[in-house]
Each structure stands twice: as C-alpha cells, then as structure tokens.
C-alpha cells in the first residue's frame, strides 16, 4: 500500500509540474482505496513524506471502493 501511495504522489507531482505547480499548491486530495485499515496504517508517513512536512495542510478524505480500474491496484 505504501509503495503504491508513494507512486501516486510521484505521479501527482509530475502532473502538477505541467501547470508550474507543486504539492505546496495543493489544497485537497481524495484517496480511493480497497483496504481502509491498511491505507490508514501507511497514509500518515507517506503523506508527510510527500508534502515534506509533519502536518500536511491538505484536506484528505479517504473513500473505500469495491474495485479499482486495474486489479493490481490498491490505491
């Protein structure tokens, strides 16, 4: 879960660069997961790492889903 979350943040960082923006410009994110318990266990450290601060100032609702776009995805 943590590795896929890190990849999502890396992909989002590249996407933001297209608009001359960065994680510092983000005000919200929506996290869709298959396993909320596993996501909660890894979300804190991964988010802190992605935003580079101990208290990310980004709204972050988590939504449980019954199936991802591709079967190998967890996030």
N, C-alpha and C. Protein backbone atom coordinates (compact mmCIF):
# COMPACT_ATOMS: atom_id res chain seq x y z
N UNK A 1 0.82 -1.18 0.00
CA UNK A 1 0.00 0.00 0.00
C UNK A 1 0.87 1.25 0.00
N UNK A 2 1.90 1.26 0.84
CA UNK A 2 2.78 2.42 0.92
C UNK A 2 3.49 2.71 -0.39
N UNK A 3 3.97 1.67 -1.05
CA UNK A 3 4.68 1.86 -2.32
C UNK A 3 3.75 2.44 -3.39
N UNK A 4 2.52 1.93 -3.46
CA UNK A 4 1.58 2.45 -4.45
C UNK A 4 1.18 3.89 -4.11
N UNK A 5 1.05 4.19 -2.83
CA UNK A 5 0.73 5.56 -2.43
C UNK A 5 1.86 6.51 -2.82
N UNK A 6 3.09 6.09 -2.57
CA UNK A 6 4.25 6.92 -2.96
C UNK A 6 4.26 7.16 -4.47
N UNK A 7 3.93 6.13 -5.23
CA UNK A 7 3.90 6.29 -6.68
C UNK A 7 2.80 7.26 -7.10
N UNK A 8 1.67 7.20 -6.42
CA UNK A 8 0.58 8.16 -6.72
C UNK A 8 1.03 9.59 -6.49
N UNK A 9 1.71 9.82 -5.37
CA UNK A 9 2.21 11.17 -5.09
C UNK A 9 3.28 11.59 -6.10
N UNK A 10 4.13 10.66 -6.51
CA UNK A 10 5.15 10.97 -7.53
C UNK A 10 4.48 11.33 -8.85
N UNK A 11 3.45 10.58 -9.23
CA UNK A 11 2.72 10.88 -10.46
C UNK A 11 2.01 12.23 -10.36
N UNK A 12 1.42 12.51 -9.19
CA UNK A 12 0.74 13.79 -9.00
C UNK A 12 1.74 14.95 -9.08
N UNK A 13 2.93 14.75 -8.55
CA UNK A 13 3.97 15.77 -8.62
C UNK A 13 4.32 16.09 -10.06
N UNK A 14 4.47 15.07 -10.88
CA UNK A 14 4.76 15.28 -12.30
C UNK A 14 3.61 15.98 -13.01
N UNK A 15 2.39 15.61 -12.66
CA UNK A 15 1.22 16.25 -13.26
C UNK A 15 1.16 17.73 -12.88
N UNK A 16 1.41 18.03 -11.61
CA UNK A 16 1.39 19.42 -11.17
C UNK A 16 2.44 20.27 -11.88
N UNK A 17 3.58 19.67 -12.18
CA UNK A 17 4.64 20.39 -12.89
C UNK A 17 4.18 20.89 -14.24
N UNK A 18 3.26 20.18 -14.87
CA UNK A 18 2.73 20.62 -16.17
C UNK A 18 2.05 21.98 -16.07
N UNK A 19 1.61 22.32 -14.86
CA UNK A 19 0.92 23.58 -14.62
C UNK A 19 1.77 24.55 -13.79
N UNK A 20 3.08 24.25 -13.75
CA UNK A 20 4.02 25.06 -12.96
C UNK A 20 3.58 25.16 -11.50
N UNK A 21 3.12 24.04 -10.97
CA UNK A 21 2.65 23.95 -9.60
C UNK A 21 3.41 22.84 -8.88
N UNK A 22 3.21 22.78 -7.57
CA UNK A 22 3.83 21.73 -6.76
C UNK A 22 2.87 21.32 -5.65
N UNK A 23 3.31 20.41 -4.81
CA UNK A 23 2.50 19.97 -3.69
C UNK A 23 2.16 21.14 -2.77
N UNK A 24 3.00 22.15 -2.74
CA UNK A 24 2.73 23.33 -1.92
C UNK A 24 1.46 24.06 -2.37
N UNK A 25 1.06 23.85 -3.61
CA UNK A 25 -0.13 24.50 -4.15
C UNK A 25 -1.40 23.68 -3.93
N UNK A 26 -1.26 22.44 -3.49
CA UNK A 26 -2.41 21.56 -3.31
C UNK A 26 -3.22 21.97 -2.08
N UNK A 27 -4.52 21.94 -2.21
CA UNK A 27 -5.41 22.23 -1.07
C UNK A 27 -6.24 21.01 -0.69
N UNK A 28 -6.27 20.02 -1.57
CA UNK A 28 -7.04 18.83 -1.28
C UNK A 28 -6.64 17.66 -2.14
N UNK A 29 -6.99 16.49 -1.66
CA UNK A 29 -6.75 15.25 -2.39
C UNK A 29 -7.85 14.28 -1.97
N UNK A 30 -8.19 13.37 -2.83
CA UNK A 30 -9.14 12.31 -2.49
C UNK A 30 -8.41 10.99 -2.70
N UNK A 31 -8.40 10.17 -1.68
CA UNK A 31 -7.70 8.89 -1.75
C UNK A 31 -8.73 7.77 -1.82
N UNK A 32 -8.71 7.01 -2.90
CA UNK A 32 -9.62 5.87 -3.08
C UNK A 32 -8.83 4.59 -2.84
N UNK A 33 -9.32 3.74 -1.93
CA UNK A 33 -8.58 2.54 -1.54
C UNK A 33 -9.50 1.33 -1.45
N UNK A 34 -8.89 0.16 -1.54
CA UNK A 34 -9.62 -1.09 -1.33
C UNK A 34 -9.66 -1.47 0.14
N UNK A 35 -8.59 -1.20 0.87
CA UNK A 35 -8.46 -1.61 2.27
C UNK A 35 -8.19 -0.37 3.12
N UNK A 36 -9.23 0.17 3.74
CA UNK A 36 -9.09 1.40 4.52
C UNK A 36 -8.15 1.22 5.71
N UNK A 37 -8.18 0.07 6.36
CA UNK A 37 -7.30 -0.16 7.51
C UNK A 37 -5.83 -0.10 7.09
N UNK A 38 -5.49 -0.77 6.00
CA UNK A 38 -4.11 -0.74 5.51
C UNK A 38 -3.72 0.67 5.06
N UNK A 39 -4.65 1.35 4.44
CA UNK A 39 -4.36 2.72 3.99
C UNK A 39 -4.13 3.64 5.17
N UNK A 40 -4.94 3.50 6.21
CA UNK A 40 -4.75 4.33 7.41
C UNK A 40 -3.41 4.07 8.06
N UNK A 41 -2.96 2.83 8.04
CA UNK A 41 -1.68 2.48 8.65
C UNK A 41 -0.50 3.12 7.92
N UNK A 42 -0.61 3.28 6.61
CA UNK A 42 0.51 3.83 5.84
C UNK A 42 0.33 5.29 5.45
N UNK A 43 -0.88 5.80 5.52
CA UNK A 43 -1.17 7.14 4.99
C UNK A 43 -0.37 8.24 5.68
N UNK A 44 -0.31 8.22 6.98
CA UNK A 44 0.38 9.29 7.71
C UNK A 44 1.82 9.49 7.27
N UNK A 45 2.65 8.47 7.40
CA UNK A 45 4.04 8.63 7.00
C UNK A 45 4.22 8.97 5.52
N UNK A 46 3.42 8.37 4.66
CA UNK A 46 3.55 8.62 3.22
C UNK A 46 3.15 10.06 2.90
N UNK A 47 2.06 10.54 3.48
CA UNK A 47 1.62 11.93 3.24
C UNK A 47 2.66 12.92 3.75
N UNK A 48 3.20 12.68 4.94
CA UNK A 48 4.23 13.58 5.49
C UNK A 48 5.45 13.62 4.58
N UNK A 49 5.82 12.48 4.06
CA UNK A 49 6.95 12.38 3.13
C UNK A 49 6.64 13.14 1.83
N UNK A 50 5.45 12.94 1.30
CA UNK A 50 5.07 13.56 0.03
C UNK A 50 5.00 15.07 0.12
N UNK A 51 4.48 15.57 1.23
CA UNK A 51 4.34 17.02 1.38
C UNK A 51 5.53 17.66 2.07
N UNK A 52 6.46 16.83 2.55
CA UNK A 52 7.69 17.36 3.14
C UNK A 52 7.48 18.12 4.44
N UNK A 53 6.46 17.74 5.21
CA UNK A 53 6.23 18.39 6.49
C UNK A 53 5.47 17.44 7.41
N UNK A 54 5.59 17.63 8.73
CA UNK A 54 4.94 16.72 9.67
C UNK A 54 3.43 16.90 9.78
N UNK A 55 2.92 18.01 9.24
CA UNK A 55 1.49 18.29 9.35
C UNK A 55 0.94 18.82 8.02
N UNK A 56 0.80 17.94 7.01
CA UNK A 56 0.32 18.39 5.71
C UNK A 56 -0.99 19.18 5.84
N UNK A 57 -1.02 20.36 5.23
CA UNK A 57 -2.18 21.25 5.30
C UNK A 57 -3.08 21.04 4.09
N UNK A 58 -3.45 19.79 3.86
CA UNK A 58 -4.23 19.41 2.68
C UNK A 58 -5.42 18.56 3.14
N UNK A 59 -6.63 18.95 2.72
CA UNK A 59 -7.80 18.12 3.02
C UNK A 59 -7.61 16.77 2.34
N UNK A 60 -7.92 15.69 3.05
CA UNK A 60 -7.60 14.37 2.52
C UNK A 60 -8.66 13.33 2.88
N UNK A 61 -9.85 13.40 2.28
CA UNK A 61 -10.83 12.36 2.54
C UNK A 61 -10.41 11.04 1.89
N UNK A 62 -10.74 9.94 2.57
CA UNK A 62 -10.44 8.62 2.04
C UNK A 62 -11.76 7.92 1.71
N UNK A 63 -11.82 7.32 0.55
CA UNK A 63 -13.03 6.64 0.10
C UNK A 63 -12.70 5.17 -0.15
N UNK A 64 -13.47 4.29 0.45
CA UNK A 64 -13.31 2.87 0.18
C UNK A 64 -14.06 2.51 -1.10
N UNK A 65 -13.46 1.66 -1.89
CA UNK A 65 -14.07 1.25 -3.15
C UNK A 65 -14.04 -0.27 -3.26
N UNK A 66 -14.96 -0.82 -4.00
CA UNK A 66 -15.01 -2.28 -4.13
C UNK A 66 -14.11 -2.82 -5.23
N UNK A 67 -13.64 -1.95 -6.11
CA UNK A 67 -12.77 -2.41 -7.18
C UNK A 67 -12.07 -1.27 -7.89
N UNK A 68 -10.78 -1.42 -8.15
CA UNK A 68 -10.01 -0.39 -8.84
C UNK A 68 -10.16 -0.51 -10.35
N UNK A 69 -9.56 0.45 -11.05
CA UNK A 69 -9.57 0.42 -12.51
C UNK A 69 -8.82 -0.79 -13.04
N UNK A 70 -7.75 -1.19 -12.34
CA UNK A 70 -6.94 -2.35 -12.73
C UNK A 70 -6.80 -3.23 -11.50
N UNK A 71 -6.89 -4.55 -11.63
CA UNK A 71 -6.92 -5.44 -10.47
C UNK A 71 -5.67 -5.40 -9.61
N UNK A 72 -4.52 -4.98 -10.13
CA UNK A 72 -3.29 -4.96 -9.32
C UNK A 72 -3.18 -3.72 -8.43
N UNK A 73 -4.09 -2.75 -8.58
CA UNK A 73 -4.03 -1.51 -7.81
C UNK A 73 -4.68 -1.67 -6.45
N UNK A 74 -4.06 -1.03 -5.46
CA UNK A 74 -4.61 -0.97 -4.11
C UNK A 74 -5.09 0.44 -3.79
N UNK A 75 -4.47 1.43 -4.45
CA UNK A 75 -4.79 2.85 -4.22
C UNK A 75 -5.29 3.44 -5.51
